[in-house]
Amino acid sequence: MAEITIRISDKTLKVVAAFVVAMLLVWGFSHFWSTGLFRPKYEILMFVPEAQGLHVGAPVRLDGMPVGNVSRVELARDSMSPNRRLEVDLRIEKRFQNMIRQDSKASLVTEGLLGDRYVSIRREFTGTPISPGGEIGVIATKEVSVSDFIDAIGKKADCQCGKQLAHR
């Protein structure tokens, strides 16, 4: 049997390697650009009584659309109010700054029944935009636990049984 030898010049290998590296750089840059890493941001504050399940990096949504993330969750320093125990810093893309106004309200929301928590901002239209470092108002929300869900199903079942007995 005859052996076949294929020779590739060093110049060709260098050109192919340079092309592959360039493609990887373009892909990496476009990936980081799409995540919003290079977009200008500003921070606003919110104070909440509790933040169980909220973590750094959690999404911030404005009327359901992602606009930023949570950059810090810490104990509030000088707060005497039980409704202002924790300070949450929100990093928002600067292009949305004019849409988040003084009368807008934020709340902590759980995704689904057992999902992660995120910050939801309800947009309003009459106030002035919140300046960087400013504070957004908070709407208190009651989290639904698994036991609350089971109780609600039990009450619904009891209600349905009562209706069936009344019709007999």
Protein backbone atom coordinates (compact mmCIF):
# COMPACT_ATOMS: atom_id res chain seq x y z
CA MET A 1 0.00 0.00 0.00
CA ALA A 2 1.16 3.48 -0.81
CA GLU A 3 1.11 6.24 1.76
CA ILE A 4 -0.17 9.66 0.90
CA THR A 5 1.38 12.68 2.62
CA ILE A 6 -0.39 16.02 2.63
CA ARG A 7 1.75 19.04 3.37
CA ILE A 8 0.25 22.28 4.61
CA SER A 9 2.44 25.33 4.64
CA ASP A 10 3.12 27.26 7.82
CA LYS A 11 1.63 30.36 6.22
CA THR A 12 -1.69 28.58 5.60
CA LEU A 13 -1.82 27.30 9.20
CA LYS A 14 -1.20 30.83 10.51
CA VAL A 15 -3.94 32.31 8.31
CA VAL A 16 -6.46 29.65 9.44
CA ALA A 17 -5.48 30.12 13.10
CA ALA A 18 -5.84 33.92 12.79
CA PHE A 19 -9.28 33.47 11.19
CA VAL A 20 -10.45 31.14 13.97
CA VAL A 21 -9.19 33.51 16.68
CA ALA A 22 -10.90 36.47 14.96
CA MET A 23 -14.20 34.55 14.77
CA LEU A 24 -13.97 33.64 18.46
CA LEU A 25 -13.32 37.28 19.38
CA VAL A 26 -16.29 38.48 17.33
CA TRP A 27 -18.54 35.82 18.89
CA GLY A 28 -17.34 36.66 22.42
CA PHE A 29 -17.81 40.40 21.94
CA SER A 30 -21.31 39.96 20.48
CA HIS A 31 -22.25 37.61 23.33
CA PHE A 32 -21.13 40.09 26.00
CA TRP A 33 -22.79 42.97 24.14
CA SER A 34 -26.12 41.10 24.03
CA THR A 35 -26.00 40.49 27.79
CA GLY A 36 -25.82 44.25 28.37
CA LEU A 37 -22.35 44.14 29.91
CA PHE A 38 -21.11 47.15 27.92
CA ARG A 39 -24.30 49.22 28.07
CA PRO A 40 -24.23 52.29 30.36
CA LYS A 41 -26.10 51.79 33.63
CA TYR A 42 -27.18 53.78 36.66
CA GLU A 43 -28.27 52.69 40.14
CA ILE A 44 -31.38 53.40 42.20
CA LEU A 45 -32.27 52.18 45.69
CA MET A 46 -35.25 50.45 47.18
CA PHE A 47 -35.89 49.56 50.83
CA VAL A 48 -37.86 46.43 51.76
CA PRO A 49 -38.80 44.67 55.03
CA GLU A 50 -37.48 41.29 53.78
CA ALA A 51 -35.77 39.91 50.70
CA GLN A 52 -35.77 36.16 51.17
CA GLY A 53 -34.90 34.46 47.88
CA LEU A 54 -33.66 37.68 46.24
CA HIS A 55 -30.01 37.50 45.25
CA VAL A 56 -27.40 39.64 43.55
CA GLY A 57 -27.88 39.32 39.80
CA ALA A 58 -31.66 38.79 40.04
CA PRO A 59 -33.51 40.46 37.17
CA VAL A 60 -35.21 43.85 37.37
CA ARG A 61 -38.22 44.16 35.07
CA LEU A 62 -40.08 47.28 34.01
CA ASP A 63 -43.67 46.35 33.14
CA GLY A 64 -42.43 42.80 32.45
CA MET A 65 -39.45 43.76 30.27
CA PRO A 66 -35.91 43.11 31.59
CA VAL A 67 -34.10 46.42 32.19
CA GLY A 68 -31.38 45.56 34.70
CA ASN A 69 -30.43 43.48 37.71
CA VAL A 70 -29.94 43.59 41.47
CA SER A 71 -26.39 44.70 42.28
CA ARG A 72 -26.48 44.59 46.09
CA VAL A 73 -28.68 43.43 48.98
CA GLU A 74 -27.63 44.62 52.46
CA LEU A 75 -29.00 45.56 55.84
CA ALA A 76 -30.12 49.20 55.87
CA ARG A 77 -27.77 51.26 58.03
CA ASP A 78 -29.84 53.89 59.83
CA SER A 79 -33.39 52.74 59.31
CA MET A 80 -35.76 52.68 62.26
CA SER A 81 -38.75 51.55 60.22
CA PRO A 82 -39.54 47.81 60.02
CA ASN A 83 -40.54 48.36 56.37
CA ARG A 84 -37.02 49.59 55.52
CA ARG A 85 -34.80 46.87 57.01
CA LEU A 86 -32.97 45.92 53.81
CA GLU A 87 -31.43 48.11 51.14
CA VAL A 88 -31.51 46.76 47.60
CA ASP A 89 -29.46 48.44 44.86
CA LEU A 90 -30.89 48.15 41.36
CA ARG A 91 -28.59 48.53 38.35
CA ILE A 92 -30.73 49.78 35.47
CA GLU A 93 -29.72 50.37 31.85
CA LYS A 94 -29.41 54.12 31.33
CA ARG A 95 -31.68 54.07 28.26
CA PHE A 96 -34.63 53.31 30.60
CA GLN A 97 -33.88 56.15 33.04
CA ASN A 98 -36.62 58.46 31.70
CA MET A 99 -39.20 55.68 32.02
CA ILE A 100 -38.73 55.11 35.76
CA ARG A 101 -40.30 58.10 37.46
CA GLN A 102 -40.85 59.27 41.05
CA ASP A 103 -44.39 57.84 41.10
CA SER A 104 -43.29 54.40 39.77
CA LYS A 105 -43.42 51.56 42.30
CA ALA A 106 -41.28 48.46 42.75
CA SER A 107 -42.16 45.14 44.35
CA LEU A 108 -40.52 41.78 44.94
CA VAL A 109 -42.18 39.05 42.89
CA THR A 110 -41.69 35.29 42.87
CA GLU A 111 -41.55 33.62 39.49
CA GLY A 112 -44.22 30.93 39.65
CA LEU A 113 -45.01 29.14 42.90
CA LEU A 114 -41.49 28.09 43.88
CA GLY A 115 -39.32 30.15 41.51
CA ASP A 116 -36.66 32.76 42.12
CA ARG A 117 -37.55 36.29 43.15
CA TYR A 118 -37.04 39.35 41.01
CA VAL A 119 -37.83 43.06 41.20
CA SER A 120 -40.84 44.24 39.24
CA ILE A 121 -41.25 47.96 38.57
CA ARG A 122 -44.67 49.29 37.64
CA ARG A 123 -44.20 52.30 35.40
CA GLU A 124 -46.07 55.55 35.94
CA PHE A 125 -46.06 58.64 33.75
CA THR A 126 -46.52 61.85 35.75
CA GLY A 127 -43.48 62.21 38.03
CA THR A 128 -39.95 63.27 37.16
CA PRO A 129 -37.37 60.58 36.35
CA ILE A 130 -35.56 59.12 39.37
CA SER A 131 -32.00 60.41 39.37
CA PRO A 132 -29.00 58.09 39.85
CA GLY A 133 -28.74 57.14 43.52
CA GLY A 134 -32.39 58.05 44.07
CA GLU A 135 -35.02 55.88 45.75
CA ILE A 136 -38.01 54.13 44.22
CA GLY A 137 -41.15 53.51 46.27
CA VAL A 138 -42.08 49.95 47.20
CA ILE A 139 -45.41 48.13 47.17
CA ALA A 140 -45.60 45.54 49.93
CA THR A 141 -46.52 42.09 48.62
CA LYS A 142 -47.59 38.97 50.47
CA GLU A 143 -45.78 35.89 49.29
CA VAL A 144 -47.90 32.80 48.76
CA SER A 145 -46.40 29.77 50.45
CA VAL A 146 -47.07 26.14 49.62
CA SER A 147 -49.27 25.82 52.72
CA ASP A 148 -51.32 28.87 51.58
CA PHE A 149 -51.77 27.19 48.20
CA ILE A 150 -52.89 23.89 49.78
CA ASP A 151 -55.31 25.76 52.07
CA ALA A 152 -56.82 27.55 49.08
CA ILE A 153 -57.33 24.24 47.24
CA GLY A 154 -58.94 22.76 50.37
CA LYS A 155 -61.32 25.71 50.68
CA LYS A 156 -62.24 25.42 47.00
CA ALA A 157 -62.91 21.69 47.40
CA ASP A 158 -65.08 22.35 50.49
CA CYS A 159 -67.00 24.99 48.57
CA GLN A 160 -67.63 22.61 45.65
CA CYS A 161 -68.81 19.84 48.02
CA GLY A 162 -71.24 22.25 49.70
CA LYS A 163 -72.71 23.26 46.34
CA GLN A 164 -73.24 19.64 45.34
CA LEU A 165 -75.00 18.83 48.63
CA ALA A 166 -77.25 21.89 48.27
CA HIS A 167 -78.40 20.73 44.81
CA ARG A 168 -79.49 17.28 46.04
